[in-house]
Amino acid sequence: MSALTASAAWRALQAHAQAINQVSLNELFALDAGRATALAAEAVGLYLDYSKQRLSGETVELLLQLAGQQDLEGWIARLFAGDAVNHTEGRAAYHMALRAPREAVMTIAGRNVLPEVHAVRDRMRAFAEAVRGGVWTGATGEPIRDVVNIGIGGSDLGPRMVCEALAPFADGPRLHFVANVDGAQLHAALAGLRPETTLFVVVSKTFGTQETMANACAARDWLLQALGEAAIPKHFVAVSTNAEAVRRFGIAADNMFGFWDWVGGRYSLWSAVGLSILLGLGPDRFDALLAGAHAMDQHFSSAPLARNLPVLLGLIAVWNSNFLGSADQVIAPYAQRLEKFVPWLQQLEMESNGKSVNRDGEPLDYTTTPALWGDVGTNSQHAYFQMLHQGSVAHPVDFLLVQQADHPYPELNRLLLANGLAQSAALMQGKSAEEVRAELIAKGMQGEALEAAIPHRVFAGNRPSNTLLLPRLDAFHLGALLALYEHRTFVMSVIWQLNPFDQWGVELGKQLAGRILRVMDGEAVAGDASTASLLARLGLGG
């Protein structure tokens, strides 16, 4: 038994969970008339209602005791102090500095990093304004009409998600994103584009990421066939820290935008990795995105834990996973423009906390990150919500609802909101056999047919959810939302004693892919029998 699972705070929560399991959500609401407002919190314009979680005020107090035992406040302070919280790589995790205002001071090893952060942001702004204003042109003198972002993981998911979420505000070149090394994606992105008016943004910290560089080289060949080698500097820019590799590719040093080793990939959209956001949406909206995230940073670092949105979300996730036995977490954004929010969040959470050893390298005897999945409502209601309502296992859901729509169909927005609220209410309330019987009798059903129909129409209810309200889906509130979930992930990592800022688990597959490519090239490289058989079946290698 680990020190965590043997601790008084952990054992108190285990005992409390047994008691909570004897009381339904409907009963909890009946016992407390003020529950809906008592179990709610608000910050930076975002309103969290967690009253439909299977917990009580006592649960929250016990979770806060667990947070105190795990020194959550101390870890938050170390994170914001620029300490090397990514201890396996000896680095700070200081993405908060990327959205801090110019006049602030944020230090690593006693050095204020904000002057260099804002120097890069100033260069990004100047470049974006030149492209958007037609001052920067392609090799033939024509203005840039299309921007293709080539990256993968955090170099794709973040910028892509933001640009789709804020698409109604796009007023610059058209944006396209290529991540998959499947050539079908690059082919589709280039279809209909003119080399003379296309700009490629190649995003890779090392400028050696296999998939990214394969796509970048294919895009380079496409451009060379039309415009020749001399055109490369006018149609390619890089977001990277490897100046020499960028130069060898043909990109001028002035067209490379750097960032720092304390910026993790899945936390990097706030850095030069977000250059495509500036190009498509404009520097002012990028600044608003950063401002919203910074406001959430300030809330997270200063608000009391009991009223702290990221802390509450993180502790509730731990409660559901470790004490109520939930193996997953469903995210249901009732906003079509947040379609890419779930993939972004999957990388953020599962790459951060998908670990089986603690910070000291010791094996864990408790579960860590649940499998995170979901899709936009109302589409998801006609897909997996049957399982959420009547499946044999309860799946916690986060409902994200946007109050004000940015489209000219207010009645559709009312219907969307009604559906989101109804689904969370239905998961909680359920429908008893007595209620089903009364409904069916009112419709004229009776006898054996009535009794046979009832079990199929019963909803167990008592299924937990959060509801998070955004006033509108603009740059500021999107920034706040993303920072909220970033910090939620960190809270969970502290409770679980994890390093959420490394990702060694993605390295093994990369190494094996390189080995398999050598086999395909004819080298005799040792491998497993299954892979060798599959290569033979594909006609590749020995």
Protein backbone atom coordinates (compact mmCIF):
# COMPACT_ATOMS: atom_id res chain seq x y z
CA MET A 1 0.00 0.00 0.00
CA SER A 2 1.41 3.41 -0.98
CA ALA A 3 1.71 6.33 1.40
CA LEU A 4 -1.13 8.06 -0.49
CA THR A 5 -3.66 5.23 -0.28
CA ALA A 6 -2.69 4.57 3.35
CA SER A 7 -3.11 8.24 4.32
CA ALA A 8 -5.86 9.45 6.61
CA ALA A 9 -7.33 11.77 3.97
CA TRP A 10 -7.55 9.01 1.37
CA ARG A 11 -9.09 6.50 3.78
CA ALA A 12 -11.62 9.06 4.99
CA LEU A 13 -12.76 9.58 1.40
CA GLN A 14 -13.03 5.83 0.85
CA ALA A 15 -15.30 5.49 3.85
CA HIS A 16 -17.30 8.53 2.82
CA ALA A 17 -17.79 7.11 -0.69
CA GLN A 18 -19.54 4.08 0.79
CA ALA A 19 -22.01 6.39 2.51
CA ILE A 20 -22.56 8.54 -0.60
CA ASN A 21 -23.32 5.42 -2.62
CA GLN A 22 -26.33 4.83 -0.38
CA VAL A 23 -27.90 8.18 -1.31
CA SER A 24 -29.13 9.17 -4.76
CA LEU A 25 -28.70 12.56 -6.37
CA ASN A 26 -32.45 13.07 -6.24
CA GLU A 27 -32.35 12.47 -2.49
CA LEU A 28 -29.41 14.86 -2.05
CA PHE A 29 -31.38 17.61 -3.79
CA ALA A 30 -34.44 16.83 -1.68
CA LEU A 31 -32.38 17.09 1.52
CA ASP A 32 -30.83 20.48 0.61
CA ALA A 33 -32.96 23.20 -0.96
CA GLY A 34 -29.88 25.37 -1.55
CA ARG A 35 -27.75 22.67 -3.14
CA ALA A 36 -27.88 24.09 -6.69
CA THR A 37 -26.29 27.39 -5.65
CA ALA A 38 -24.12 26.07 -2.83
CA LEU A 39 -22.30 23.65 -5.15
CA ALA A 40 -21.42 26.22 -7.77
CA ALA A 41 -18.55 28.63 -8.40
CA GLU A 42 -17.72 31.41 -10.85
CA ALA A 43 -14.59 33.08 -12.18
CA VAL A 44 -13.52 35.02 -15.29
CA GLY A 45 -17.09 34.93 -16.59
CA LEU A 46 -17.30 31.11 -16.43
CA TYR A 47 -19.94 29.55 -14.16
CA LEU A 48 -19.55 26.00 -12.86
CA ASP A 49 -22.54 24.08 -11.50
CA TYR A 50 -21.30 20.85 -9.91
CA SER A 51 -24.46 20.18 -7.90
CA LYS A 52 -25.25 17.16 -10.12
CA GLN A 53 -22.11 15.38 -8.99
CA ARG A 54 -22.53 12.51 -6.54
CA LEU A 55 -21.11 14.43 -3.63
CA SER A 56 -22.09 16.64 -0.71
CA GLY A 57 -20.60 19.57 1.10
CA GLU A 58 -18.85 17.05 3.34
CA THR A 59 -17.32 15.41 0.26
CA VAL A 60 -15.88 18.74 -0.83
CA GLU A 61 -14.40 19.31 2.63
CA LEU A 62 -12.76 15.87 2.60
CA LEU A 63 -11.39 16.48 -0.90
CA LEU A 64 -9.95 19.80 0.28
CA GLN A 65 -8.29 17.94 3.16
CA LEU A 66 -6.74 15.60 0.60
CA ALA A 67 -5.54 18.63 -1.37
CA GLY A 68 -3.99 20.02 1.81
CA GLN A 69 -2.29 16.73 2.57
CA GLN A 70 -0.83 16.66 -0.98
CA ASP A 71 0.37 20.29 -0.60
CA LEU A 72 -1.64 21.52 -3.56
CA GLU A 73 -1.18 25.17 -2.62
CA GLY A 74 2.58 24.63 -2.38
CA TRP A 75 2.69 23.00 -5.79
CA ILE A 76 0.67 25.84 -7.32
CA ALA A 77 3.15 28.29 -5.83
CA ARG A 78 6.11 26.31 -7.23
CA LEU A 79 4.48 26.16 -10.66
CA PHE A 80 4.02 29.93 -10.76
CA ALA A 81 7.48 30.58 -9.29
CA GLY A 82 9.14 28.95 -12.29
CA ASP A 83 10.54 26.03 -10.31
CA ALA A 84 11.62 22.90 -12.21
CA VAL A 85 8.33 21.07 -11.66
CA ASN A 86 9.17 18.95 -14.72
CA HIS A 87 11.86 17.21 -12.74
CA THR A 88 12.61 14.37 -15.18
CA GLU A 89 13.75 16.93 -17.75
CA GLY A 90 15.01 19.53 -15.27
CA ARG A 91 12.65 22.25 -16.54
CA ALA A 92 10.02 24.67 -15.42
CA ALA A 93 6.56 24.41 -16.93
CA TYR A 94 5.97 28.08 -17.43
CA HIS A 95 3.31 28.41 -20.12
CA MET A 96 1.60 30.97 -17.85
CA ALA A 97 4.44 33.39 -18.72
CA LEU A 98 3.38 33.27 -22.37
CA ARG A 99 0.12 35.07 -21.55
CA ALA A 100 1.34 37.42 -18.83
CA PRO A 101 1.24 41.17 -19.58
CA ARG A 102 4.38 43.00 -20.57
CA GLU A 103 4.74 44.83 -17.25
CA ALA A 104 4.57 41.66 -15.12
CA VAL A 105 7.61 39.85 -13.76
CA MET A 106 7.92 36.06 -14.08
CA THR A 107 11.28 34.51 -13.37
CA ILE A 108 13.14 31.27 -13.94
CA ALA A 109 16.33 30.94 -11.91
CA GLY A 110 16.10 34.62 -11.02
CA ARG A 111 15.74 35.84 -14.62
CA ASN A 112 12.61 37.61 -15.79
CA VAL A 113 11.57 35.80 -18.98
CA LEU A 114 8.87 38.24 -20.05
CA PRO A 115 11.10 40.62 -22.05
CA GLU A 116 12.05 37.80 -24.44
CA VAL A 117 8.49 36.45 -24.48
CA HIS A 118 7.17 39.83 -25.58
CA ALA A 119 10.02 40.33 -28.03
CA VAL A 120 8.85 37.21 -29.87
CA ARG A 121 5.21 38.32 -29.61
CA ASP A 122 6.15 41.68 -31.12
CA ARG A 123 7.83 39.91 -34.05
CA MET A 124 4.79 37.68 -34.49
CA ARG A 125 2.49 40.70 -34.52
CA ALA A 126 4.62 42.57 -37.05
CA PHE A 127 4.81 39.55 -39.34
CA ALA A 128 1.08 38.82 -39.09
CA GLU A 129 0.18 42.43 -39.82
CA ALA A 130 2.51 42.44 -42.84
CA VAL A 131 0.93 39.28 -44.25
CA ARG A 132 -2.63 40.32 -43.49
CA GLY A 133 -2.04 43.81 -44.90
CA GLY A 134 -0.50 42.56 -48.14
CA VAL A 135 2.94 44.01 -47.34
CA TRP A 136 4.47 40.54 -47.16
CA THR A 137 3.91 38.94 -50.54
CA GLY A 138 4.82 35.70 -52.23
CA ALA A 139 7.69 35.31 -54.66
CA THR A 140 5.63 36.67 -57.56
CA GLY A 141 4.49 39.75 -55.65
CA GLU A 142 0.96 38.47 -55.03
CA PRO A 143 -0.50 38.72 -51.52
CA ILE A 144 -0.89 35.62 -49.36
CA ARG A 145 -4.40 34.18 -49.56
CA ASP A 146 -3.90 30.81 -47.84
CA VAL A 147 -1.85 29.69 -44.84
CA VAL A 148 -1.06 26.00 -44.27
CA ASN A 149 0.03 25.08 -40.73
CA ILE A 150 2.15 21.92 -40.72
CA GLY A 151 2.66 20.37 -37.28
CA ILE A 152 1.43 17.53 -35.12
CA GLY A 153 0.28 17.07 -31.53
CA GLY A 154 0.44 20.35 -29.68
CA SER A 155 1.80 22.03 -32.82
CA ASP A 156 -1.50 21.27 -34.54
CA LEU A 157 -4.28 20.55 -32.03
CA GLY A 158 -4.06 23.87 -30.18
CA PRO A 159 -3.93 26.30 -33.11
CA ARG A 160 -6.44 24.26 -35.11
CA MET A 161 -8.90 24.14 -32.21
CA VAL A 162 -8.64 27.88 -31.53
CA CYS A 163 -9.02 28.82 -35.18
CA GLU A 164 -12.12 26.65 -35.56
CA ALA A 165 -13.61 27.87 -32.28
CA LEU A 166 -13.18 31.50 -33.33
CA ALA A 167 -13.92 31.01 -37.04
CA PRO A 168 -16.65 33.70 -37.18
CA PHE A 169 -13.99 36.28 -36.34
CA ALA A 170 -11.52 35.16 -39.02
CA ASP A 171 -10.62 38.09 -41.28
CA GLY A 172 -7.22 37.10 -42.65
CA PRO A 173 -5.91 34.47 -45.06
CA ARG A 174 -7.75 31.18 -45.17
CA LEU A 175 -6.28 28.63 -42.75
CA HIS A 176 -5.53 24.97 -43.43
CA PHE A 177 -3.98 22.43 -41.06
CA VAL A 178 -1.93 19.34 -41.89
CA ALA A 179 -0.80 16.92 -39.18
CA ASN A 180 -1.30 13.31 -40.28
CA VAL A 181 1.53 11.76 -42.24
CA ASP A 182 -1.17 10.14 -44.35
CA GLY A 183 -0.65 11.99 -47.62
CA ALA A 184 -4.38 12.21 -48.14
CA GLN A 185 -4.55 15.08 -45.65
CA LEU A 186 -1.83 17.12 -47.33
CA HIS A 187 -3.30 16.40 -50.76
CA ALA A 188 -6.72 17.62 -49.63
CA ALA A 189 -5.24 20.74 -48.03
CA LEU A 190 -3.35 21.71 -51.19
CA ALA A 191 -6.24 21.00 -53.54
CA GLY A 192 -7.31 24.28 -55.09
CA LEU A 193 -4.44 26.32 -53.61
CA ARG A 194 -2.08 28.37 -55.74
CA PRO A 195 1.63 28.18 -54.83
CA GLU A 196 1.98 31.90 -55.63
CA THR A 197 -0.42 32.89 -52.82
CA THR A 198 0.24 30.13 -50.24
CA LEU A 199 2.33 30.46 -47.07
CA PHE A 200 3.45 27.40 -45.07
CA VAL A 201 4.05 27.61 -41.33
CA VAL A 202 6.17 24.62 -40.27
CA VAL A 203 5.87 24.06 -36.53
CA SER A 204 8.40 21.76 -34.85
CA LYS A 205 10.51 22.62 -31.81
CA THR A 206 13.40 20.43 -33.00
CA PHE A 207 12.58 20.79 -36.70
CA GLY A 208 13.00 17.04 -36.78
CA THR A 209 9.56 15.67 -35.90
CA GLN A 210 9.15 12.79 -38.34
CA GLU A 211 5.58 13.38 -39.48
CA THR A 212 5.91 17.16 -39.60
CA MET A 213 9.11 17.16 -41.62
CA ALA A 214 7.79 14.53 -44.03
CA ASN A 215 4.77 16.73 -44.74
CA ALA A 216 6.92 19.87 -44.90
CA CYS A 217 9.26 18.29 -47.45
CA ALA A 218 6.30 17.16 -49.56
CA ALA A 219 4.87 20.70 -49.43
CA ARG A 220 8.28 22.09 -50.33
CA ASP A 221 8.41 19.84 -53.41
CA TRP A 222 4.92 21.04 -54.41
CA LEU A 223 6.10 24.65 -54.24
CA LEU A 224 9.44 23.98 -55.97
CA GLN A 225 7.73 22.44 -58.98
CA ALA A 226 5.81 25.67 -59.52
CA LEU A 227 8.14 28.44 -58.36
CA GLY A 228 11.66 27.07 -57.92
CA GLU A 229 14.17 27.11 -55.05
CA ALA A 230 14.39 30.90 -54.79
CA ALA A 231 10.74 31.08 -53.74
CA ILE A 232 11.17 29.07 -50.52
CA PRO A 233 12.00 32.04 -48.22
CA LYS A 234 8.84 33.86 -49.33
CA HIS A 235 6.51 30.92 -48.81
CA PHE A 236 7.85 29.10 -45.75
CA VAL A 237 8.31 30.27 -42.18
CA ALA A 238 9.26 28.16 -39.17
CA VAL A 239 8.28 27.94 -35.53
CA SER A 240 11.24 26.16 -34.02
CA THR A 241 14.30 26.38 -31.80
CA ASN A 242 16.67 24.65 -34.25
CA ALA A 243 18.07 27.51 -36.35
CA GLU A 244 20.53 25.32 -38.25
CA ALA A 245 17.92 22.80 -39.39
CA VAL A 246 15.61 25.66 -40.38
CA ARG A 247 18.39 27.23 -42.46
CA ARG A 248 19.13 23.94 -44.21
CA PHE A 249 15.46 23.67 -45.18
CA GLY A 250 15.77 27.04 -46.94
CA ILE A 251 13.97 29.26 -44.45
CA ALA A 252 15.65 32.56 -43.60
CA ALA A 253 16.66 33.15 -39.97
CA ASP A 254 14.46 36.25 -39.87
CA ASN A 255 11.48 34.03 -40.64
CA MET A 256 11.99 31.67 -37.69
CA PHE A 257 9.96 32.27 -34.54
CA GLY A 258 11.33 30.61 -31.45
CA PHE A 259 10.12 29.51 -28.05
CA TRP A 260 11.67 27.87 -25.00
CA ASP A 261 12.27 24.48 -23.45
CA TRP A 262 9.92 25.39 -20.59
CA VAL A 263 7.02 25.40 -23.07
CA GLY A 264 5.57 21.91 -23.38
CA GLY A 265 3.99 20.99 -26.71
CA ARG A 266 0.45 20.55 -25.41
CA TYR A 267 0.74 23.89 -23.58
CA SER A 268 2.25 25.75 -26.52
CA LEU A 269 -0.59 27.38 -28.47
CA TRP A 270 0.08 30.56 -26.45
CA SER A 271 3.61 30.80 -27.91
CA ALA A 272 4.86 31.24 -31.47
CA VAL A 273 3.12 27.90 -32.11
CA GLY A 274 0.01 30.08 -32.31
CA LEU A 275 1.34 32.08 -35.27
CA SER A 276 -1.44 30.73 -37.50
CA ILE A 277 -3.97 32.16 -35.04
CA LEU A 278 -2.51 35.64 -35.53
CA LEU A 279 -2.47 35.23 -39.30
CA GLY A 280 -6.09 34.12 -39.53
CA LEU A 281 -7.74 35.98 -36.64
CA GLY A 282 -5.43 38.93 -36.13
CA PRO A 283 -3.01 39.91 -33.34
CA ASP A 284 -5.68 41.69 -31.30
CA ARG A 285 -7.78 38.54 -30.96
CA PHE A 286 -4.68 36.54 -30.07
CA ASP A 287 -4.02 39.10 -27.34
CA ALA A 288 -7.59 38.68 -26.09
CA LEU A 289 -7.11 34.90 -26.01
CA LEU A 290 -3.99 35.38 -23.89
CA ALA A 291 -5.77 37.87 -21.64
CA GLY A 292 -8.53 35.36 -20.87
CA ALA A 293 -5.98 32.68 -20.04
CA HIS A 294 -4.01 35.11 -17.86
CA ALA A 295 -7.17 36.03 -15.95
CA MET A 296 -7.73 32.32 -15.22
CA ASP A 297 -4.07 32.01 -14.19
CA GLN A 298 -4.58 34.77 -11.65
CA HIS A 299 -7.73 33.12 -10.34
CA PHE A 300 -6.02 29.73 -10.03
CA SER A 301 -2.99 31.11 -8.25
CA SER A 302 -4.87 33.28 -5.75
CA ALA A 303 -8.47 32.12 -5.17
CA PRO A 304 -9.27 30.03 -2.07
CA LEU A 305 -9.28 26.35 -2.95
CA ALA A 306 -12.95 25.97 -2.03
CA ARG A 307 -13.94 28.56 -4.68
CA ASN A 308 -11.20 27.82 -7.19
CA LEU A 309 -12.59 26.52 -10.51
CA PRO A 310 -9.57 24.43 -11.63
CA VAL A 311 -9.19 23.02 -8.12
CA LEU A 312 -12.84 22.03 -7.90
CA LEU A 313 -12.84 20.43 -11.35
CA GLY A 314 -9.64 18.53 -10.58
CA LEU A 315 -10.78 17.29 -7.17
CA ILE A 316 -14.16 16.19 -8.57
CA ALA A 317 -12.34 14.22 -11.29
CA VAL A 318 -10.21 12.51 -8.63
CA TRP A 319 -13.34 11.76 -6.58
CA ASN A 320 -15.10 10.17 -9.54
CA SER A 321 -12.07 8.19 -10.65
CA ASN A 322 -10.55 6.95 -7.41
CA PHE A 323 -13.49 6.77 -5.03
CA LEU A 324 -16.55 6.19 -7.22
CA GLY A 325 -14.75 3.96 -9.72
CA SER A 326 -15.31 5.89 -12.95
CA ALA A 327 -12.95 4.74 -15.67
CA ASP A 328 -13.60 7.58 -18.09
CA GLN A 329 -14.63 11.21 -18.48
CA VAL A 330 -17.02 12.42 -21.16
CA ILE A 331 -16.84 15.96 -22.53
CA ALA A 332 -19.95 17.29 -24.29
CA PRO A 333 -19.53 20.83 -25.66
CA TYR A 334 -22.89 22.18 -26.80
CA ALA A 335 -21.16 24.40 -29.35
CA GLN A 336 -20.32 23.20 -32.85
CA ARG A 337 -17.29 25.47 -32.95
CA LEU A 338 -15.78 23.50 -30.03
CA GLU A 339 -15.66 20.32 -32.11
CA LYS A 340 -11.86 20.16 -31.78
CA PHE A 341 -11.91 20.93 -28.04
CA VAL A 342 -12.12 17.24 -27.12
CA PRO A 343 -9.04 16.16 -29.17
CA TRP A 344 -7.09 19.08 -27.71
CA LEU A 345 -8.16 18.07 -24.21
CA GLN A 346 -7.37 14.42 -24.83
CA GLN A 347 -3.74 15.29 -25.50
CA LEU A 348 -3.61 17.74 -22.61
CA GLU A 349 -4.93 15.32 -20.01
CA MET A 350 -3.98 11.85 -21.17
CA GLU A 351 -0.47 12.77 -22.31
CA SER A 352 0.06 14.65 -19.06
CA ASN A 353 -1.40 12.23 -16.53
CA GLY A 354 -1.32 8.92 -18.35
CA LYS A 355 1.34 7.59 -15.98
CA SER A 356 1.74 4.48 -13.82
CA VAL A 357 4.62 5.64 -11.61
CA ASN A 358 4.78 8.62 -9.28
CA ARG A 359 7.27 11.46 -9.29
CA ASP A 360 9.78 9.22 -7.49
CA GLY A 361 9.43 6.45 -10.06
CA GLU A 362 7.45 4.18 -7.74
CA PRO A 363 4.59 2.04 -9.14
CA LEU A 364 1.10 3.26 -8.29
CA ASP A 365 -1.61 1.31 -6.49
CA TYR A 366 -4.35 3.70 -7.62
CA THR A 367 -5.69 4.70 -11.02
CA THR A 368 -4.64 7.91 -12.72
CA THR A 369 -6.15 9.66 -15.70
CA PRO A 370 -9.49 8.31 -16.90
CA ALA A 371 -10.05 7.80 -20.63
CA LEU A 372 -11.38 11.10 -21.94
CA TRP A 373 -13.75 11.22 -24.92
CA GLY A 374 -16.80 12.97 -26.29
CA ASP A 375 -18.27 15.02 -29.10
CA VAL A 376 -20.41 18.08 -29.63
CA GLY A 377 -24.07 18.12 -28.59
CA THR A 378 -26.63 17.58 -29.99
CA ASN A 379 -24.86 15.16 -32.35
CA SER A 380 -23.67 13.08 -29.41
CA GLN A 381 -27.23 12.63 -28.17
CA HIS A 382 -27.88 10.56 -31.28
CA ALA A 383 -24.69 8.54 -30.87
CA TYR A 384 -23.41 7.51 -27.44
CA PHE A 385 -25.94 9.13 -25.09
CA GLN A 386 -28.01 5.92 -25.10
CA MET A 387 -25.12 4.32 -23.21
CA LEU A 388 -24.81 7.30 -20.85
CA HIS A 389 -28.47 7.03 -19.87
CA GLN A 390 -29.12 3.30 -19.83
CA GLY A 391 -25.74 1.59 -19.97
CA SER A 392 -24.58 -0.60 -17.10
CA VAL A 393 -21.89 1.87 -15.97
CA ALA A 394 -22.14 5.55 -15.03
CA HIS A 395 -19.91 7.89 -17.03
CA PRO A 396 -19.26 11.40 -15.61
CA VAL A 397 -19.98 14.15 -18.13
CA ASP A 398 -18.84 17.76 -18.43
CA PHE A 399 -21.48 19.77 -20.30
CA LEU A 400 -20.18 23.01 -21.86
CA LEU A 401 -22.88 25.51 -22.80
CA VAL A 402 -22.51 28.93 -24.44
CA GLN A 403 -25.17 31.46 -23.52
CA GLN A 404 -24.92 33.90 -26.46
CA ALA A 405 -24.61 32.65 -30.02
CA ASP A 406 -22.63 34.30 -32.82
CA HIS A 407 -25.11 33.40 -35.54
CA PRO A 408 -28.46 34.82 -36.69
CA TYR A 409 -30.61 31.91 -35.45
CA PRO A 410 -31.60 32.62 -31.82
CA GLU A 411 -34.29 29.93 -31.80
CA LEU A 412 -31.72 27.29 -32.70
CA ASN A 413 -29.54 28.45 -29.81
CA ARG A 414 -32.49 28.19 -27.41
CA LEU A 415 -33.09 24.64 -28.63
CA LEU A 416 -29.40 23.79 -28.23
CA LEU A 417 -29.32 25.11 -24.67
CA ALA A 418 -32.56 23.32 -23.82
CA ASN A 419 -31.06 20.06 -25.02
CA GLY A 420 -27.89 20.48 -23.00
CA LEU A 421 -29.79 21.31 -19.81
CA ALA A 422 -32.24 18.47 -20.42
CA GLN A 423 -29.54 15.87 -20.88
CA SER A 424 -27.80 16.75 -17.62
CA ALA A 425 -31.15 16.76 -15.80
CA ALA A 426 -32.13 13.40 -17.30
CA LEU A 427 -28.82 11.81 -16.31
CA MET A 428 -29.44 12.95 -12.74
CA GLN A 429 -33.18 12.36 -12.38
CA GLY A 430 -33.70 9.21 -14.41
CA LYS A 431 -37.16 7.71 -14.72
CA SER A 432 -38.54 5.10 -12.34
CA ALA A 433 -40.62 2.04 -13.22
CA GLU A 434 -43.62 3.70 -11.55
CA GLU A 435 -43.25 6.78 -13.75
CA VAL A 436 -42.94 4.65 -16.87
CA ARG A 437 -46.00 2.59 -15.89
CA ALA A 438 -48.10 5.74 -15.39
CA GLU A 439 -46.99 7.15 -18.77
CA LEU A 440 -47.78 3.95 -20.64
CA ILE A 441 -51.16 3.47 -18.95
CA ALA A 442 -52.04 7.04 -19.94
CA LYS A 443 -51.28 6.02 -23.53
CA GLY A 444 -53.63 3.05 -23.27
CA MET A 445 -51.14 0.23 -22.73
CA GLN A 446 -52.08 -2.51 -20.27
CA GLY A 447 -51.61 -6.14 -19.30
CA GLU A 448 -48.61 -8.22 -20.35
CA ALA A 449 -47.57 -5.72 -23.01
CA LEU A 450 -47.37 -3.02 -20.34
CA GLU A 451 -45.25 -5.09 -17.97
CA ALA A 452 -42.96 -6.22 -20.79
CA ALA A 453 -42.36 -2.63 -21.95
CA ILE A 454 -41.52 -1.11 -18.56
CA PRO A 455 -37.94 -2.43 -18.01
CA HIS A 456 -36.80 -1.11 -21.38
CA ARG A 457 -37.92 2.43 -20.57
CA VAL A 458 -36.54 2.81 -17.08
CA PHE A 459 -33.64 5.23 -16.58
CA ALA A 460 -31.53 4.58 -13.49
CA GLY A 461 -30.53 8.23 -13.11
CA ASN A 462 -28.01 9.14 -10.40
CA ARG A 463 -25.42 9.77 -13.13
CA PRO A 464 -23.00 12.61 -12.39
CA SER A 465 -22.24 15.70 -14.46
CA ASN A 466 -20.82 19.20 -14.33
CA THR A 467 -22.35 22.07 -16.28
CA LEU A 468 -19.98 24.86 -17.29
CA LEU A 469 -21.52 28.03 -18.72
CA LEU A 470 -19.65 30.48 -20.97
CA PRO A 471 -21.29 33.85 -21.64
CA ARG A 472 -20.08 33.79 -25.26
CA LEU A 473 -17.50 31.95 -27.34
CA ASP A 474 -15.10 34.81 -27.97
CA ALA A 475 -11.32 34.92 -27.72
CA PHE A 476 -11.21 36.05 -24.08
CA HIS A 477 -13.56 33.40 -22.72
CA LEU A 478 -12.03 30.68 -24.89
CA GLY A 479 -8.64 31.54 -23.41
CA ALA A 480 -10.11 31.30 -19.91
CA LEU A 481 -11.71 27.93 -20.72
CA LEU A 482 -8.48 26.42 -22.04
CA ALA A 483 -6.43 27.65 -19.07
CA LEU A 484 -9.11 26.26 -16.74
CA TYR A 485 -8.63 22.76 -18.11
CA GLU A 486 -4.84 23.12 -18.18
CA HIS A 487 -4.85 23.87 -14.48
CA ARG A 488 -7.44 21.16 -13.77
CA THR A 489 -4.96 18.69 -15.25
CA PHE A 490 -2.22 20.01 -12.96
CA VAL A 491 -4.46 19.71 -9.88
CA MET A 492 -5.10 16.05 -10.66
CA SER A 493 -1.37 15.43 -11.14
CA VAL A 494 -0.58 16.88 -7.72
CA ILE A 495 -3.13 14.65 -5.99
CA TRP A 496 -1.78 11.63 -7.86
CA GLN A 497 1.89 12.64 -7.29
CA LEU A 498 2.69 12.70 -11.01
CA ASN A 499 4.91 14.76 -13.29
CA PRO A 500 2.35 15.98 -15.86
CA PHE A 501 4.92 17.74 -18.04
CA ASP A 502 6.91 14.86 -19.55
CA GLN A 503 5.64 12.28 -22.06
CA TRP A 504 8.13 9.45 -22.37
CA GLY A 505 5.32 7.12 -23.41
CA VAL A 506 5.22 8.57 -26.93
CA GLU A 507 8.91 7.93 -27.56
CA LEU A 508 8.95 4.12 -27.89
CA GLY A 509 6.63 4.07 -30.90
CA LYS A 510 8.80 6.70 -32.62
CA GLN A 511 11.91 4.58 -32.05
CA LEU A 512 10.24 1.46 -33.41
CA ALA A 513 8.92 3.34 -36.45
CA GLY A 514 12.51 4.27 -37.30
CA ARG A 515 13.58 0.65 -36.94
CA ILE A 516 10.74 -0.56 -39.18
CA LEU A 517 11.63 2.02 -41.83
CA ARG A 518 15.17 0.59 -41.87
CA VAL A 519 13.70 -2.87 -42.42
CA MET A 520 11.66 -1.47 -45.30
CA ASP A 521 14.92 -0.14 -46.75
CA GLY A 522 16.40 -3.63 -46.71
CA GLU A 523 18.39 -3.64 -43.47
CA ALA A 524 18.42 -6.79 -41.36
CA VAL A 525 17.06 -5.40 -38.11
CA ALA A 526 15.80 -7.62 -35.30
CA GLY A 527 12.12 -7.33 -34.47
CA ASP A 528 9.11 -9.29 -33.32
CA ALA A 529 7.60 -12.10 -35.39
CA SER A 530 4.20 -10.43 -35.80
CA THR A 531 5.65 -7.22 -37.25
CA ALA A 532 7.93 -9.23 -39.56
CA SER A 533 4.94 -11.22 -40.80
CA LEU A 534 2.89 -8.08 -41.41
CA LEU A 535 5.76 -6.45 -43.31
CA ALA A 536 5.97 -9.53 -45.51
CA ARG A 537 2.23 -9.39 -46.08
CA LEU A 538 2.58 -5.75 -47.13
CA GLY A 539 5.47 -6.62 -49.42
CA LEU A 540 7.79 -4.31 -47.53
CA GLY A 541 11.22 -5.38 -46.28
CA GLY A 542 12.61 -8.85 -45.73
